[in-house]
Amino acid sequence: MMAGSGISTAISDFAPPGAESGVGLALQDDGGQYLFFIAGTRHHCRPGELFYAGIGGHLEPGEDWMACAQREALEEVGTGVEIISAPTTWHVPQDRAVGEVAVIDRPRPLALYEMVHPDGTPRAGELYRIVVFMARLRDVVRNLQRDEVIGVIALTPEQVIRGPERKPTLAELTAQGARIVAGGETVDRQVRLYPLGTAVALAHVLRHIEAQGGAQLGGGRDERHYG
């Protein structure tokens, strides 16, 4: 995939059949904060640490991107989502050198992210292609499966951007404007949080937009009628 080449591409070029791929959601609430799940007990994390990541997951055989997004949202936070077509699509390769790409698919994804599975996980070092869509929840978060999602946190755009650089405690984040939206009752306020997957991709996209002097994300002309 050639960022900035001026050649239009399709999501299927980025994530061809047979490749490990999935959907991630850049979920925003009405106040402009971004919503992420906090890892439940089944996820591998170091003692005293938990990761946060975008709602989403692997594309199943025969499933399209929109069906995957809705299924994962229902499974993880108990409600469907409204997918918003992004004004621009950004390619975030393994080296994190963000570049704009022209994508023919609608709704237009926000990012195409090449994630490498981290050390200590079953597929460490392997590539996982995440298609990131802008979205909003259709209803309140409910019915969390605590082994998968122990809570949902809302972070400010600045906290999202700084996420890959540090591991703040939950107490520090909430003191600086973050909110626990659902669950989280059993999470130690001194646990350190770090981003994974979609949360990392979004951090690099927002940082890139900020460096270019751009405004915060907004939907494209064809927003609101997906999902």
C-alpha atoms as a PDB file:
ATOM      1  CA  MET A   1       0.000   0.000   0.000  1.00  0.00           C
ATOM      2  CA  MET A   2       1.476   3.327  -1.076  1.00  0.00           C
ATOM      3  CA  ALA A   3       0.516   6.180   1.240  1.00  0.00           C
ATOM      4  CA  GLY A   4       0.115   9.445  -0.602  1.00  0.00           C
ATOM      5  CA  SER A   5       0.491   7.804  -4.019  1.00  0.00           C
ATOM      6  CA  GLY A   6      -2.772   9.247  -5.329  1.00  0.00           C
ATOM      7  CA  ILE A   7      -3.917   5.755  -6.338  1.00  0.00           C
ATOM      8  CA  SER A   8      -7.221   4.587  -4.893  1.00  0.00           C
ATOM      9  CA  THR A   9      -7.213   1.303  -3.022  1.00  0.00           C
ATOM     10  CA  ALA A  10      -9.735  -0.997  -1.372  1.00  0.00           C
ATOM     11  CA  ILE A  11      -9.818  -2.393   2.136  1.00  0.00           C
ATOM     12  CA  SER A  12      -9.416  -5.844   0.590  1.00  0.00           C
ATOM     13  CA  ASP A  13      -6.017  -4.770  -0.776  1.00  0.00           C
ATOM     14  CA  PHE A  14      -4.888  -3.994   2.770  1.00  0.00           C
ATOM     15  CA  ALA A  15      -6.517  -7.042   4.355  1.00  0.00           C
ATOM     16  CA  PRO A  16      -6.844  -9.776   1.692  1.00  0.00           C
ATOM     17  CA  PRO A  17      -8.760 -13.003   2.324  1.00  0.00           C
ATOM     18  CA  GLY A  18      -6.792 -15.338   4.560  1.00  0.00           C
ATOM     19  CA  ALA A  19      -4.848 -12.583   6.324  1.00  0.00           C
ATOM     20  CA  GLU A  20      -5.413 -12.151  10.052  1.00  0.00           C
ATOM     21  CA  SER A  21      -7.589  -9.046  10.151  1.00  0.00           C
ATOM     22  CA  GLY A  22     -10.334  -7.383  12.118  1.00  0.00           C
ATOM     23  CA  VAL A  23     -12.243  -4.219  12.948  1.00  0.00           C
ATOM     24  CA  GLY A  24     -11.418  -1.599  15.555  1.00  0.00           C
ATOM     25  CA  LEU A  25     -13.744   1.245  16.548  1.00  0.00           C
ATOM     26  CA  ALA A  26     -12.662   4.821  17.232  1.00  0.00           C
ATOM     27  CA  LEU A  27     -15.686   5.482  19.437  1.00  0.00           C
ATOM     28  CA  GLN A  28     -16.409   9.057  20.478  1.00  0.00           C
ATOM     29  CA  ASP A  29     -18.997  10.241  22.968  1.00  0.00           C
ATOM     30  CA  ASP A  30     -20.936  13.505  22.732  1.00  0.00           C
ATOM     31  CA  GLY A  31     -18.201  15.331  24.656  1.00  0.00           C
ATOM     32  CA  GLY A  32     -15.467  14.337  22.198  1.00  0.00           C
ATOM     33  CA  GLN A  33     -13.791  11.765  24.453  1.00  0.00           C
ATOM     34  CA  TYR A  34     -12.757   8.376  23.069  1.00  0.00           C
ATOM     35  CA  LEU A  35     -14.102   5.149  24.562  1.00  0.00           C
ATOM     36  CA  PHE A  36     -11.932   2.076  25.103  1.00  0.00           C
ATOM     37  CA  PHE A  37     -12.397  -1.213  26.900  1.00  0.00           C
ATOM     38  CA  ILE A  38     -10.110  -2.126  29.786  1.00  0.00           C
ATOM     39  CA  ALA A  39      -8.793  -5.673  29.529  1.00  0.00           C
ATOM     40  CA  GLY A  40     -10.627  -8.331  31.509  1.00  0.00           C
ATOM     41  CA  THR A  41      -9.143 -11.267  33.363  1.00  0.00           C
ATOM     42  CA  ARG A  42      -8.633 -13.553  30.355  1.00  0.00           C
ATOM     43  CA  HIS A  43      -6.138 -11.164  28.751  1.00  0.00           C
ATOM     44  CA  HIS A  44      -2.405 -11.497  29.335  1.00  0.00           C
ATOM     45  CA  CYS A  45      -1.019  -8.448  31.180  1.00  0.00           C
ATOM     46  CA  ARG A  46       1.944  -7.911  33.476  1.00  0.00           C
ATOM     47  CA  PRO A  47       1.230  -7.616  37.215  1.00  0.00           C
ATOM     48  CA  GLY A  48       0.041  -4.110  38.066  1.00  0.00           C
ATOM     49  CA  GLU A  49      -0.795  -3.287  34.430  1.00  0.00           C
ATOM     50  CA  LEU A  50      -3.815  -3.506  32.138  1.00  0.00           C
ATOM     51  CA  PHE A  51      -4.187  -2.512  28.517  1.00  0.00           C
ATOM     52  CA  TYR A  52      -6.986  -0.495  26.979  1.00  0.00           C
ATOM     53  CA  ALA A  53      -8.061  -0.963  23.384  1.00  0.00           C
ATOM     54  CA  GLY A  54     -10.812  -0.099  20.934  1.00  0.00           C
ATOM     55  CA  ILE A  55     -13.995  -2.126  20.826  1.00  0.00           C
ATOM     56  CA  GLY A  56     -13.631  -4.642  17.999  1.00  0.00           C
ATOM     57  CA  GLY A  57     -12.090  -7.919  17.041  1.00  0.00           C
ATOM     58  CA  HIS A  58     -11.346 -10.464  14.369  1.00  0.00           C
ATOM     59  CA  LEU A  59     -13.267 -10.733  11.128  1.00  0.00           C
ATOM     60  CA  GLU A  60     -15.002 -14.105  10.969  1.00  0.00           C
ATOM     61  CA  PRO A  61     -15.282 -16.239   7.788  1.00  0.00           C
ATOM     62  CA  GLY A  62     -18.005 -14.915   5.479  1.00  0.00           C
ATOM     63  CA  GLU A  63     -18.440 -11.735   7.529  1.00  0.00           C
ATOM     64  CA  ASP A  64     -18.153  -8.201   6.139  1.00  0.00           C
ATOM     65  CA  TRP A  65     -16.619  -5.240   7.971  1.00  0.00           C
ATOM     66  CA  MET A  66     -19.917  -3.705   9.091  1.00  0.00           C
ATOM     67  CA  ALA A  67     -21.275  -7.001  10.402  1.00  0.00           C
ATOM     68  CA  CYS A  68     -18.027  -7.552  12.300  1.00  0.00           C
ATOM     69  CA  ALA A  69     -18.236  -4.077  13.877  1.00  0.00           C
ATOM     70  CA  GLN A  70     -21.835  -4.587  15.034  1.00  0.00           C
ATOM     71  CA  ARG A  71     -21.208  -8.104  16.363  1.00  0.00           C
ATOM     72  CA  GLU A  72     -18.136  -7.094  18.321  1.00  0.00           C
ATOM     73  CA  ALA A  73     -19.869  -4.038  19.806  1.00  0.00           C
ATOM     74  CA  LEU A  74     -22.836  -6.136  20.935  1.00  0.00           C
ATOM     75  CA  GLU A  75     -20.553  -8.794  22.401  1.00  0.00           C
ATOM     76  CA  GLU A  76     -18.223  -6.401  24.216  1.00  0.00           C
ATOM     77  CA  VAL A  77     -20.414  -3.473  25.331  1.00  0.00           C
ATOM     78  CA  GLY A  78     -23.977  -4.720  24.833  1.00  0.00           C
ATOM     79  CA  THR A  79     -25.119  -2.213  22.219  1.00  0.00           C
ATOM     80  CA  GLY A  80     -24.827  -1.584  18.493  1.00  0.00           C
ATOM     81  CA  VAL A  81     -22.946   1.300  16.932  1.00  0.00           C
ATOM     82  CA  GLU A  82     -23.427   3.906  14.241  1.00  0.00           C
ATOM     83  CA  ILE A  83     -20.482   3.868  11.837  1.00  0.00           C
ATOM     84  CA  ILE A  84     -19.392   7.297  10.606  1.00  0.00           C
ATOM     85  CA  SER A  85     -17.546   7.669   7.310  1.00  0.00           C
ATOM     86  CA  ALA A  86     -14.185   9.314   7.990  1.00  0.00           C
ATOM     87  CA  PRO A  87     -13.120  12.422   6.053  1.00  0.00           C
ATOM     88  CA  THR A  88      -9.699  10.846   5.400  1.00  0.00           C
ATOM     89  CA  THR A  89      -8.148   7.410   5.696  1.00  0.00           C
ATOM     90  CA  TRP A  90      -4.682   7.078   7.238  1.00  0.00           C
ATOM     91  CA  HIS A  91      -2.321   4.151   6.779  1.00  0.00           C
ATOM     92  CA  VAL A  92      -0.410   3.346   9.978  1.00  0.00           C
ATOM     93  CA  PRO A  93       2.304   0.821   9.039  1.00  0.00           C
ATOM     94  CA  GLN A  94       4.522  -1.139  11.405  1.00  0.00           C
ATOM     95  CA  ASP A  95       7.023   1.729  11.595  1.00  0.00           C
ATOM     96  CA  ARG A  96       4.147   4.122  12.554  1.00  0.00           C
ATOM     97  CA  ALA A  97       4.969   6.517   9.650  1.00  0.00           C
ATOM     98  CA  VAL A  98       1.395   7.754   9.118  1.00  0.00           C
ATOM     99  CA  GLY A  99       0.342   8.565   5.558  1.00  0.00           C
ATOM    100  CA  GLU A 100      -2.912   9.397   3.806  1.00  0.00           C
ATOM    101  CA  VAL A 101      -4.461   6.837   1.453  1.00  0.00           C
ATOM    102  CA  ALA A 102      -7.437   7.071  -0.911  1.00  0.00           C
ATOM    103  CA  VAL A 103      -9.895   4.253  -0.138  1.00  0.00           C
ATOM    104  CA  ILE A 104     -12.855   3.478  -2.387  1.00  0.00           C
ATOM    105  CA  ASP A 105     -14.921   1.668   0.271  1.00  0.00           C
ATOM    106  CA  ARG A 106     -17.829   3.366   2.038  1.00  0.00           C
ATOM    107  CA  PRO A 107     -18.146   4.016   4.859  1.00  0.00           C
ATOM    108  CA  ARG A 108     -14.572   5.242   4.608  1.00  0.00           C
ATOM    109  CA  PRO A 109     -12.354   3.857   7.406  1.00  0.00           C
ATOM    110  CA  LEU A 110     -10.345   6.208   9.574  1.00  0.00           C
ATOM    111  CA  ALA A 111      -7.214   4.069   9.584  1.00  0.00           C
ATOM    112  CA  LEU A 112      -5.618   0.911   8.238  1.00  0.00           C
ATOM    113  CA  TYR A 113      -3.287  -0.261  10.989  1.00  0.00           C
ATOM    114  CA  GLU A 114      -0.569  -2.898  10.810  1.00  0.00           C
ATOM    115  CA  MET A 115      -0.315  -4.202  14.356  1.00  0.00           C
ATOM    116  CA  VAL A 116       2.408  -6.635  15.376  1.00  0.00           C
ATOM    117  CA  HIS A 117       1.312  -8.986  18.148  1.00  0.00           C
ATOM    118  CA  PRO A 118       3.331  -8.141  21.291  1.00  0.00           C
ATOM    119  CA  ASP A 119       5.813 -10.394  23.031  1.00  0.00           C
ATOM    120  CA  GLY A 120       4.314 -12.816  25.500  1.00  0.00           C
ATOM    121  CA  THR A 121       1.165 -13.386  23.457  1.00  0.00           C
ATOM    122  CA  PRO A 122       0.350 -16.578  21.502  1.00  0.00           C
ATOM    123  CA  ARG A 123       1.029 -14.946  18.104  1.00  0.00           C
ATOM    124  CA  ALA A 124       3.944 -12.726  19.120  1.00  0.00           C
ATOM    125  CA  GLY A 125       5.649 -11.067  16.148  1.00  0.00           C
ATOM    126  CA  GLU A 126       2.874 -11.846  13.670  1.00  0.00           C
ATOM    127  CA  LEU A 127       1.000  -9.161  11.733  1.00  0.00           C
ATOM    128  CA  TYR A 128      -2.628  -8.321  12.492  1.00  0.00           C
ATOM    129  CA  ARG A 129      -4.361  -5.909  10.102  1.00  0.00           C
ATOM    130  CA  ILE A 130      -6.943  -3.686  11.816  1.00  0.00           C
ATOM    131  CA  VAL A 131      -9.481  -1.608   9.868  1.00  0.00           C
ATOM    132  CA  VAL A 132     -10.436   1.290  12.141  1.00  0.00           C
ATOM    133  CA  PHE A 133     -13.826   2.983  11.735  1.00  0.00           C
ATOM    134  CA  MET A 134     -15.158   6.091  13.439  1.00  0.00           C
ATOM    135  CA  ALA A 135     -18.290   5.287  15.426  1.00  0.00           C
ATOM    136  CA  ARG A 136     -20.758   6.271  18.116  1.00  0.00           C
ATOM    137  CA  LEU A 137     -22.686   4.042  20.491  1.00  0.00           C
ATOM    138  CA  ARG A 138     -26.391   3.637  19.775  1.00  0.00           C
ATOM    139  CA  ASP A 139     -27.253   3.093  23.452  1.00  0.00           C
ATOM    140  CA  VAL A 140     -25.655   2.888  26.902  1.00  0.00           C
ATOM    141  CA  VAL A 141     -22.984   0.308  27.689  1.00  0.00           C
ATOM    142  CA  ARG A 142     -24.433  -2.790  29.366  1.00  0.00           C
ATOM    143  CA  ASN A 143     -23.887  -6.494  30.069  1.00  0.00           C
ATOM    144  CA  LEU A 144     -20.093  -6.428  30.205  1.00  0.00           C
ATOM    145  CA  GLN A 145     -18.448  -9.839  30.068  1.00  0.00           C
ATOM    146  CA  ARG A 146     -15.947  -9.158  32.830  1.00  0.00           C
ATOM    147  CA  ASP A 147     -13.416 -11.763  31.709  1.00  0.00           C
ATOM    148  CA  GLU A 148     -13.203  -9.891  28.393  1.00  0.00           C
ATOM    149  CA  VAL A 149     -14.032  -6.297  29.357  1.00  0.00           C
ATOM    150  CA  ILE A 150     -13.591  -5.285  32.981  1.00  0.00           C
ATOM    151  CA  GLY A 151     -14.620  -1.708  32.297  1.00  0.00           C
ATOM    152  CA  VAL A 152     -14.992   1.040  29.697  1.00  0.00           C
ATOM    153  CA  ILE A 153     -12.959   4.231  29.985  1.00  0.00           C
ATOM    154  CA  ALA A 154     -13.358   7.588  28.213  1.00  0.00           C
ATOM    155  CA  LEU A 155     -10.094   9.409  27.472  1.00  0.00           C
ATOM    156  CA  THR A 156      -9.511  12.935  26.246  1.00  0.00           C
ATOM    157  CA  PRO A 157      -7.862  13.324  22.816  1.00  0.00           C
ATOM    158  CA  GLU A 158      -4.674  14.515  24.546  1.00  0.00           C
ATOM    159  CA  GLN A 159      -4.628  11.401  26.743  1.00  0.00           C
ATOM    160  CA  VAL A 160      -5.078   9.225  23.656  1.00  0.00           C
ATOM    161  CA  ILE A 161      -2.158  10.953  21.917  1.00  0.00           C
ATOM    162  CA  ARG A 162       0.166  10.590  24.911  1.00  0.00           C
ATOM    163  CA  GLY A 163      -0.853   6.994  25.612  1.00  0.00           C
ATOM    164  CA  PRO A 164       1.995   5.199  23.789  1.00  0.00           C
ATOM    165  CA  GLU A 165       4.611   7.321  25.604  1.00  0.00           C
ATOM    166  CA  ARG A 166       3.706   6.450  29.185  1.00  0.00           C
ATOM    167  CA  LYS A 167       1.812   4.141  31.533  1.00  0.00           C
ATOM    168  CA  PRO A 168      -0.211   6.394  33.832  1.00  0.00           C
ATOM    169  CA  THR A 169      -2.223   4.999  36.708  1.00  0.00           C
ATOM    170  CA  LEU A 170      -5.997   4.922  36.487  1.00  0.00           C
ATOM    171  CA  ALA A 171      -6.047   7.475  39.310  1.00  0.00           C
ATOM    172  CA  GLU A 172      -3.807   9.819  37.325  1.00  0.00           C
ATOM    173  CA  LEU A 173      -5.953   9.533  34.217  1.00  0.00           C
ATOM    174  CA  THR A 174      -9.215  10.230  36.039  1.00  0.00           C
ATOM    175  CA  ALA A 175      -7.638  13.199  37.802  1.00  0.00           C
ATOM    176  CA  GLN A 176      -6.768  14.578  34.341  1.00  0.00           C
ATOM    177  CA  GLY A 177     -10.239  14.234  32.825  1.00  0.00           C
ATOM    178  CA  ALA A 178     -10.743  10.550  32.014  1.00  0.00           C
ATOM    179  CA  ARG A 179     -13.989   8.863  33.098  1.00  0.00           C
ATOM    180  CA  ILE A 180     -15.028   5.298  33.834  1.00  0.00           C
ATOM    181  CA  VAL A 181     -18.169   4.915  31.721  1.00  0.00           C
ATOM    182  CA  ALA A 182     -19.129   1.394  32.789  1.00  0.00           C
ATOM    183  CA  GLY A 183     -17.779  -1.348  35.036  1.00  0.00           C
ATOM    184  CA  GLY A 184     -14.346  -0.869  36.526  1.00  0.00           C
ATOM    185  CA  GLU A 185     -15.458  -1.368  40.119  1.00  0.00           C
ATOM    186  CA  THR A 186     -12.772  -3.963  40.805  1.00  0.00           C
ATOM    187  CA  VAL A 187      -9.927  -2.152  39.013  1.00  0.00           C
ATOM    188  CA  ASP A 188      -7.243  -0.911  41.394  1.00  0.00           C
ATOM    189  CA  ARG A 189      -6.858   2.858  40.937  1.00  0.00           C
ATOM    190  CA  GLN A 190      -3.091   2.398  41.019  1.00  0.00           C
ATOM    191  CA  VAL A 191      -3.043  -0.042  38.098  1.00  0.00           C
ATOM    192  CA  ARG A 192      -1.062   1.304  35.155  1.00  0.00           C
ATOM    193  CA  LEU A 193      -2.832   1.491  31.795  1.00  0.00           C
ATOM    194  CA  TYR A 194      -1.294   1.281  28.342  1.00  0.00           C
ATOM    195  CA  PRO A 195      -2.773   1.265  24.812  1.00  0.00           C
ATOM    196  CA  LEU A 196      -3.004  -1.674  22.454  1.00  0.00           C
ATOM    197  CA  GLY A 197      -4.317  -2.151  18.922  1.00  0.00           C
ATOM    198  CA  THR A 198      -6.822   0.480  17.834  1.00  0.00           C
ATOM    199  CA  ALA A 199      -5.849   2.729  20.751  1.00  0.00           C
ATOM    200  CA  VAL A 200      -2.266   2.869  19.428  1.00  0.00           C
ATOM    201  CA  ALA A 201      -3.419   3.491  15.854  1.00  0.00           C
ATOM    202  CA  LEU A 202      -5.692   6.326  16.983  1.00  0.00           C
ATOM    203  CA  ALA A 203      -2.889   7.884  19.011  1.00  0.00           C
ATOM    204  CA  HIS A 204      -0.640   8.062  15.944  1.00  0.00           C
ATOM    205  CA  VAL A 205      -3.424   9.377  13.697  1.00  0.00           C
ATOM    206  CA  LEU A 206      -4.400  12.122  16.158  1.00  0.00           C
ATOM    207  CA  ARG A 207      -0.759  13.061  16.690  1.00  0.00           C
ATOM    208  CA  HIS A 208      -0.232  13.273  12.922  1.00  0.00           C
ATOM    209  CA  ILE A 209      -3.327  15.448  12.442  1.00  0.00           C
ATOM    210  CA  GLU A 210      -2.264  17.701  15.318  1.00  0.00           C
ATOM    211  CA  ALA A 211       1.245  18.064  13.865  1.00  0.00           C
ATOM    212  CA  GLN A 212      -0.293  19.177  10.566  1.00  0.00           C
ATOM    213  CA  GLY A 213      -2.345  21.810  12.360  1.00  0.00           C
ATOM    214  CA  GLY A 214      -5.601  19.983  11.646  1.00  0.00           C
ATOM    215  CA  ALA A 215      -8.807  20.080  13.673  1.00  0.00           C
ATOM    216  CA  GLN A 216     -10.224  17.188  15.647  1.00  0.00           C
ATOM    217  CA  LEU A 217     -11.842  14.392  13.711  1.00  0.00           C
ATOM    218  CA  GLY A 218     -15.234  14.870  12.119  1.00  0.00           C
ATOM    219  CA  GLY A 219     -17.340  12.715   9.837  1.00  0.00           C
ATOM    220  CA  GLY A 220     -17.395  12.939   6.078  1.00  0.00           C
ATOM    221  CA  ARG A 221     -20.339  13.919   3.916  1.00  0.00           C
ATOM    222  CA  ASP A 222     -21.765  10.418   3.952  1.00  0.00           C
ATOM    223  CA  GLU A 223     -21.820   9.980   7.724  1.00  0.00           C
ATOM    224  CA  ARG A 224     -24.775   8.718   9.792  1.00  0.00           C
ATOM    225  CA  HIS A 225     -26.347   6.091   7.585  1.00  0.00           C
ATOM    226  CA  TYR A 226     -24.215   3.047   8.347  1.00  0.00           C
ATOM    227  CA  GLY A 227     -25.538   0.771  11.061  1.00  0.00           C
END
